[in-house]
Amino acid sequence: MPSIIGAVNINSNSGTVNFGDTLNISPKTASKTFSGSGGGNTGNLVNTVNGASSTNTIDPSVVDQPLVGNV
């Protein structure tokens, strides 16, 4: 299906940006990031007011995103 894209503002991209038809998008890499409260906000105007913040970095899972079989 064709698509009409309006105003798009991409400051940075380390993943996949898709406009229009796509059969399959599969990840080629996987990473994990820990950030505090409001630490991952992006945009042209961000106003974040937070109190004390604590980030739990304990992760018992061995594999979060398996990449085996991705072409």
PDB file of N, CA and C in Angstrom:
ATOM      1  N   MET A   1       0.841  -1.167   0.000  1.00  0.00           N
ATOM      2  CA  MET A   1       0.000   0.000   0.000  1.00  0.00           C
ATOM      3  C   MET A   1       0.895   1.242   0.000  1.00  0.00           C
ATOM      4  N   PRO A   2       0.706   2.133  -0.921  1.00  0.00           N
ATOM      5  CA  PRO A   2       1.496   3.365  -0.946  1.00  0.00           C
ATOM      6  C   PRO A   2       1.202   4.227   0.274  1.00  0.00           C
ATOM      7  N   SER A   3       2.177   5.034   0.638  1.00  0.00           N
ATOM      8  CA  SER A   3       1.980   5.903   1.789  1.00  0.00           C
ATOM      9  C   SER A   3       2.410   7.321   1.447  1.00  0.00           C
ATOM     10  N   ILE A   4       1.737   8.273   2.067  1.00  0.00           N
ATOM     11  CA  ILE A   4       2.098   9.674   1.930  1.00  0.00           C
ATOM     12  C   ILE A   4       2.643  10.113   3.277  1.00  0.00           C
ATOM     13  N   ILE A   5       3.883  10.573   3.269  1.00  0.00           N
ATOM     14  CA  ILE A   5       4.565  10.935   4.504  1.00  0.00           C
ATOM     15  C   ILE A   5       4.579  12.452   4.623  1.00  0.00           C
ATOM     16  N   GLY A   6       4.141  12.934   5.771  1.00  0.00           N
ATOM     17  CA  GLY A   6       4.163  14.376   6.025  1.00  0.00           C
ATOM     18  C   GLY A   6       5.513  14.789   6.581  1.00  0.00           C
ATOM     19  N   ALA A   7       5.507  15.719   7.495  1.00  0.00           N
ATOM     20  CA  ALA A   7       6.742  16.210   8.102  1.00  0.00           C
ATOM     21  C   ALA A   7       7.339  15.138   9.009  1.00  0.00           C
ATOM     22  N   VAL A   8       8.603  14.828   8.791  1.00  0.00           N
ATOM     23  CA  VAL A   8       9.312  13.832   9.596  1.00  0.00           C
ATOM     24  C   VAL A   8      10.572  14.483  10.130  1.00  0.00           C
ATOM     25  N   ASN A   9      10.798  14.367  11.428  1.00  0.00           N
ATOM     26  CA  ASN A   9      11.994  14.913  12.048  1.00  0.00           C
ATOM     27  C   ASN A   9      12.733  13.774  12.735  1.00  0.00           C
ATOM     28  N   ILE A  10      13.849  13.328  12.160  1.00  0.00           N
ATOM     29  CA  ILE A  10      14.653  12.252  12.740  1.00  0.00           C
ATOM     30  C   ILE A  10      15.981  12.861  13.151  1.00  0.00           C
ATOM     31  N   ASN A  11      16.224  12.932  14.473  1.00  0.00           N
ATOM     32  CA  ASN A  11      17.477  13.490  14.968  1.00  0.00           C
ATOM     33  C   ASN A  11      18.612  12.488  14.860  1.00  0.00           C
ATOM     34  N   SER A  12      18.361  11.251  15.203  1.00  0.00           N
ATOM     35  CA  SER A  12      19.354  10.195  15.066  1.00  0.00           C
ATOM     36  C   SER A  12      18.618   8.873  14.983  1.00  0.00           C
ATOM     37  N   ASN A  13      19.248   7.891  14.347  1.00  0.00           N
ATOM     38  CA  ASN A  13      18.620   6.593  14.189  1.00  0.00           C
ATOM     39  C   ASN A  13      19.688   5.521  14.242  1.00  0.00           C
ATOM     40  N   SER A  14      19.480   4.545  15.099  1.00  0.00           N
ATOM     41  CA  SER A  14      20.366   3.399  15.135  1.00  0.00           C
ATOM     42  C   SER A  14      19.573   2.127  14.897  1.00  0.00           C
ATOM     43  N   GLY A  15      18.375   2.256  14.395  1.00  0.00           N
ATOM     44  CA  GLY A  15      17.513   1.116  14.144  1.00  0.00           C
ATOM     45  C   GLY A  15      16.981   1.154  12.735  1.00  0.00           C
ATOM     46  N   THR A  16      15.718   0.825  12.584  1.00  0.00           N
ATOM     47  CA  THR A  16      15.096   0.749  11.269  1.00  0.00           C
ATOM     48  C   THR A  16      14.004   1.793  11.163  1.00  0.00           C
ATOM     49  N   VAL A  17      14.021   2.528  10.077  1.00  0.00           N
ATOM     50  CA  VAL A  17      12.940   3.457   9.770  1.00  0.00           C
ATOM     51  C   VAL A  17      12.280   2.953   8.506  1.00  0.00           C
ATOM     52  N   ASN A  18      10.982   2.744   8.554  1.00  0.00           N
ATOM     53  CA  ASN A  18      10.278   2.171   7.414  1.00  0.00           C
ATOM     54  C   ASN A  18       9.116   3.075   7.029  1.00  0.00           C
ATOM     55  N   PHE A  19       9.029   3.384   5.734  1.00  0.00           N
ATOM     56  CA  PHE A  19       7.892   4.113   5.185  1.00  0.00           C
ATOM     57  C   PHE A  19       7.330   3.286   4.043  1.00  0.00           C
ATOM     58  N   GLY A  20       6.073   2.913   4.097  1.00  0.00           N
ATOM     59  CA  GLY A  20       5.467   2.180   2.997  1.00  0.00           C
ATOM     60  C   GLY A  20       5.368   0.692   3.272  1.00  0.00           C
ATOM     61  N   ASP A  21       5.359  -0.093   2.183  1.00  0.00           N
ATOM     62  CA  ASP A  21       5.150  -1.533   2.279  1.00  0.00           C
ATOM     63  C   ASP A  21       6.405  -2.245   2.775  1.00  0.00           C
ATOM     64  N   THR A  22       6.199  -3.229   3.638  1.00  0.00           N
ATOM     65  CA  THR A  22       7.296  -4.047   4.142  1.00  0.00           C
ATOM     66  C   THR A  22       6.771  -5.440   4.431  1.00  0.00           C
ATOM     67  N   LEU A  23       7.501  -6.447   3.951  1.00  0.00           N
ATOM     68  CA  LEU A  23       7.133  -7.823   4.247  1.00  0.00           C
ATOM     69  C   LEU A  23       7.657  -8.240   5.611  1.00  0.00           C
ATOM     70  N   ASN A  24       8.922  -7.919   5.881  1.00  0.00           N
ATOM     71  CA  ASN A  24       9.530  -8.367   7.127  1.00  0.00           C
ATOM     72  C   ASN A  24      10.678  -7.431   7.489  1.00  0.00           C
ATOM     73  N   ILE A  25      10.743  -7.028   8.753  1.00  0.00           N
ATOM     74  CA  ILE A  25      11.877  -6.279   9.273  1.00  0.00           C
ATOM     75  C   ILE A  25      12.431  -7.092  10.430  1.00  0.00           C
ATOM     76  N   SER A  26      13.683  -7.503  10.327  1.00  0.00           N
ATOM     77  CA  SER A  26      14.277  -8.304  11.388  1.00  0.00           C
ATOM     78  C   SER A  26      15.514  -7.602  11.927  1.00  0.00           C
ATOM     79  N   PRO A  27      15.712  -7.626  13.242  1.00  0.00           N
ATOM     80  CA  PRO A  27      16.874  -6.952  13.830  1.00  0.00           C
ATOM     81  C   PRO A  27      18.171  -7.673  13.493  1.00  0.00           C
ATOM     82  N   LYS A  28      19.230  -6.907  13.278  1.00  0.00           N
ATOM     83  CA  LYS A  28      20.551  -7.474  13.006  1.00  0.00           C
ATOM     84  C   LYS A  28      21.437  -7.418  14.233  1.00  0.00           C
ATOM     85  N   THR A  29      21.142  -6.526  15.153  1.00  0.00           N
ATOM     86  CA  THR A  29      21.879  -6.423  16.411  1.00  0.00           C
ATOM     87  C   THR A  29      20.895  -6.223  17.545  1.00  0.00           C
ATOM     88  N   ALA A  30      21.352  -6.508  18.748  1.00  0.00           N
ATOM     89  CA  ALA A  30      20.525  -6.291  19.936  1.00  0.00           C
ATOM     90  C   ALA A  30      21.408  -5.722  21.025  1.00  0.00           C
ATOM     91  N   SER A  31      20.886  -4.774  21.776  1.00  0.00           N
ATOM     92  CA  SER A  31      21.633  -4.189  22.885  1.00  0.00           C
ATOM     93  C   SER A  31      20.654  -3.824  23.993  1.00  0.00           C
ATOM     94  N   LYS A  32      21.198  -3.586  25.161  1.00  0.00           N
ATOM     95  CA  LYS A  32      20.362  -3.245  26.308  1.00  0.00           C
ATOM     96  C   LYS A  32      20.905  -1.978  26.943  1.00  0.00           C
ATOM     97  N   THR A  33      20.028  -1.075  27.273  1.00  0.00           N
ATOM     98  CA  THR A  33      20.430   0.190  27.876  1.00  0.00           C
ATOM     99  C   THR A  33      19.627   0.418  29.148  1.00  0.00           C
ATOM    100  N   PHE A  34      20.300   0.849  30.182  1.00  0.00           N
ATOM    101  CA  PHE A  34      19.639   1.219  31.430  1.00  0.00           C
ATOM    102  C   PHE A  34      19.712   2.731  31.563  1.00  0.00           C
ATOM    103  N   SER A  35      18.591   3.359  31.808  1.00  0.00           N
ATOM    104  CA  SER A  35      18.585   4.800  32.041  1.00  0.00           C
ATOM    105  C   SER A  35      17.567   5.117  33.126  1.00  0.00           C
ATOM    106  N   GLY A  36      17.798   6.201  33.812  1.00  0.00           N
ATOM    107  CA  GLY A  36      16.926   6.584  34.915  1.00  0.00           C
ATOM    108  C   GLY A  36      15.613   7.168  34.439  1.00  0.00           C
ATOM    109  N   SER A  37      14.857   7.665  35.369  1.00  0.00           N
ATOM    110  CA  SER A  37      13.543   8.210  35.078  1.00  0.00           C
ATOM    111  C   SER A  37      13.650   9.398  34.128  1.00  0.00           C
ATOM    112  N   GLY A  38      12.996   9.292  32.974  1.00  0.00           N
ATOM    113  CA  GLY A  38      13.021  10.360  31.989  1.00  0.00           C
ATOM    114  C   GLY A  38      14.296  10.412  31.175  1.00  0.00           C
ATOM    115  N   GLY A  39      15.190   9.455  31.341  1.00  0.00           N
ATOM    116  CA  GLY A  39      16.477   9.483  30.648  1.00  0.00           C
ATOM    117  C   GLY A  39      16.398   9.152  29.175  1.00  0.00           C
ATOM    118  N   GLY A  40      15.343   8.504  28.719  1.00  0.00           N
ATOM    119  CA  GLY A  40      15.219   8.133  27.320  1.00  0.00           C
ATOM    120  C   GLY A  40      14.315   9.040  26.515  1.00  0.00           C
ATOM    121  N   ASN A  41      13.933  10.171  27.069  1.00  0.00           N
ATOM    122  CA  ASN A  41      13.044  11.079  26.350  1.00  0.00           C
ATOM    123  C   ASN A  41      13.759  11.722  25.173  1.00  0.00           C
ATOM    124  N   THR A  42      13.087  11.779  24.042  1.00  0.00           N
ATOM    125  CA  THR A  42      13.625  12.460  22.869  1.00  0.00           C
ATOM    126  C   THR A  42      12.550  13.375  22.319  1.00  0.00           C
ATOM    127  N   GLY A  43      12.967  14.375  21.607  1.00  0.00           N
ATOM    128  CA  GLY A  43      12.001  15.288  21.012  1.00  0.00           C
ATOM    129  C   GLY A  43      12.591  16.665  20.864  1.00  0.00           C
ATOM    130  N   ASN A  44      11.827  17.546  20.278  1.00  0.00           N
ATOM    131  CA  ASN A  44      12.292  18.914  20.074  1.00  0.00           C
ATOM    132  C   ASN A  44      12.183  19.750  21.338  1.00  0.00           C
ATOM    133  N   LEU A  45      11.184  19.490  22.160  1.00  0.00           N
ATOM    134  CA  LEU A  45      10.996  20.233  23.403  1.00  0.00           C
ATOM    135  C   LEU A  45      10.555  19.254  24.482  1.00  0.00           C
ATOM    136  N   VAL A  46      11.455  18.938  25.409  1.00  0.00           N
ATOM    137  CA  VAL A  46      11.167  17.974  26.468  1.00  0.00           C
ATOM    138  C   VAL A  46      11.327  18.679  27.804  1.00  0.00           C
ATOM    139  N   ASN A  47      10.315  18.585  28.632  1.00  0.00           N
ATOM    140  CA  ASN A  47      10.352  19.148  29.978  1.00  0.00           C
ATOM    141  C   ASN A  47      10.002  18.028  30.944  1.00  0.00           C
ATOM    142  N   THR A  48      11.016  17.512  31.646  1.00  0.00           N
ATOM    143  CA  THR A  48      10.816  16.380  32.545  1.00  0.00           C
ATOM    144  C   THR A  48      11.157  16.809  33.963  1.00  0.00           C
ATOM    145  N   VAL A  49      10.227  16.609  34.882  1.00  0.00           N
ATOM    146  CA  VAL A  49      10.450  16.936  36.283  1.00  0.00           C
ATOM    147  C   VAL A  49      10.307  15.641  37.068  1.00  0.00           C
ATOM    148  N   ASN A  50      11.410  15.175  37.660  1.00  0.00           N
ATOM    149  CA  ASN A  50      11.416  13.910  38.395  1.00  0.00           C
ATOM    150  C   ASN A  50      11.963  14.121  39.793  1.00  0.00           C
ATOM    151  N   GLY A  51      11.503  13.301  40.694  1.00  0.00           N
ATOM    152  CA  GLY A  51      12.063  13.284  42.039  1.00  0.00           C
ATOM    153  C   GLY A  51      13.233  12.315  42.077  1.00  0.00           C
ATOM    154  N   ALA A  52      13.451  11.711  43.207  1.00  0.00           N
ATOM    155  CA  ALA A  52      14.523  10.727  43.336  1.00  0.00           C
ATOM    156  C   ALA A  52      14.215   9.540  42.427  1.00  0.00           C
ATOM    157  N   SER A  53      15.254   9.053  41.740  1.00  0.00           N
ATOM    158  CA  SER A  53      15.074   7.974  40.778  1.00  0.00           C
ATOM    159  C   SER A  53      16.076   6.861  41.042  1.00  0.00           C
ATOM    160  N   SER A  54      15.631   5.632  40.892  1.00  0.00           N
ATOM    161  CA  SER A  54      16.501   4.477  41.053  1.00  0.00           C
ATOM    162  C   SER A  54      16.231   3.518  39.909  1.00  0.00           C
ATOM    163  N   THR A  55      17.291   3.008  39.299  1.00  0.00           N
ATOM    164  CA  THR A  55      17.156   2.097  38.170  1.00  0.00           C
ATOM    165  C   THR A  55      17.625   0.710  38.572  1.00  0.00           C
ATOM    166  N   ASN A  56      16.758  -0.276  38.415  1.00  0.00           N
ATOM    167  CA  ASN A  56      17.100  -1.660  38.721  1.00  0.00           C
ATOM    168  C   ASN A  56      17.810  -2.267  37.511  1.00  0.00           C
ATOM    169  N   THR A  57      19.084  -2.634  37.659  1.00  0.00           N
ATOM    170  CA  THR A  57      19.845  -3.198  36.550  1.00  0.00           C
ATOM    171  C   THR A  57      20.011  -4.704  36.658  1.00  0.00           C
ATOM    172  N   ILE A  58      19.325  -5.339  37.572  1.00  0.00           N
ATOM    173  CA  ILE A  58      19.390  -6.800  37.701  1.00  0.00           C
ATOM    174  C   ILE A  58      18.522  -7.409  36.610  1.00  0.00           C
ATOM    175  N   ASP A  59      19.135  -8.257  35.779  1.00  0.00           N
ATOM    176  CA  ASP A  59      18.422  -8.862  34.656  1.00  0.00           C
ATOM    177  C   ASP A  59      18.723 -10.356  34.615  1.00  0.00           C
ATOM    178  N   PRO A  60      17.809 -11.200  35.102  1.00  0.00           N
ATOM    179  CA  PRO A  60      18.082 -12.633  35.138  1.00  0.00           C
ATOM    180  C   PRO A  60      17.969 -13.330  33.776  1.00  0.00           C
ATOM    181  N   SER A  61      17.384 -12.677  32.785  1.00  0.00           N
ATOM    182  CA  SER A  61      17.237 -13.339  31.491  1.00  0.00           C
ATOM    183  C   SER A  61      18.569 -13.355  30.753  1.00  0.00           C
ATOM    184  N   VAL A  62      18.866 -14.477  30.113  1.00  0.00           N
ATOM    185  CA  VAL A  62      20.136 -14.627  29.395  1.00  0.00           C
ATOM    186  C   VAL A  62      20.021 -14.014  28.009  1.00  0.00           C
ATOM    187  N   VAL A  63      18.928 -14.313  27.304  1.00  0.00           N
ATOM    188  CA  VAL A  63      18.733 -13.793  25.951  1.00  0.00           C
ATOM    189  C   VAL A  63      17.398 -13.066  25.900  1.00  0.00           C
ATOM    190  N   ASP A  64      17.425 -11.778  25.552  1.00  0.00           N
ATOM    191  CA  ASP A  64      16.194 -10.999  25.446  1.00  0.00           C
ATOM    192  C   ASP A  64      15.652 -11.009  24.013  1.00  0.00           C
ATOM    193  N   GLN A  65      16.537 -10.876  23.046  1.00  0.00           N
ATOM    194  CA  GLN A  65      16.155 -10.836  21.635  1.00  0.00           C
ATOM    195  C   GLN A  65      17.040 -11.803  20.858  1.00  0.00           C
ATOM    196  N   PRO A  66      16.584 -13.037  20.611  1.00  0.00           N
ATOM    197  CA  PRO A  66      17.411 -13.968  19.842  1.00  0.00           C
ATOM    198  C   PRO A  66      17.563 -13.514  18.399  1.00  0.00           C
ATOM    199  N   LEU A  67      18.796 -13.555  17.891  1.00  0.00           N
ATOM    200  CA  LEU A  67      19.076 -13.115  16.530  1.00  0.00           C
ATOM    201  C   LEU A  67      19.390 -14.293  15.611  1.00  0.00           C
ATOM    202  N   VAL A  68      19.314 -15.498  16.105  1.00  0.00           N
ATOM    203  CA  VAL A  68      19.619 -16.684  15.302  1.00  0.00           C
ATOM    204  C   VAL A  68      18.550 -16.831  14.228  1.00  0.00           C
ATOM    205  N   GLY A  69      18.963 -16.981  12.989  1.00  0.00           N
ATOM    206  CA  GLY A  69      18.035 -17.174  11.878  1.00  0.00           C
ATOM    207  C   GLY A  69      17.634 -15.904  11.169  1.00  0.00           C
ATOM    208  N   ASN A  70      18.046 -14.735  11.683  1.00  0.00           N
ATOM    209  CA  ASN A  70      17.726 -13.480  10.992  1.00  0.00           C
ATOM    210  C   ASN A  70      18.662 -13.294   9.817  1.00  0.00           C
ATOM    211  N   VAL A  71      18.103 -13.018   8.683  1.00  0.00           N
ATOM    212  CA  VAL A  71      18.922 -12.864   7.476  1.00  0.00           C
ATOM    213  C   VAL A  71      19.300 -11.431   7.290  1.00  0.00           C
TER     214      VAL A  71
END
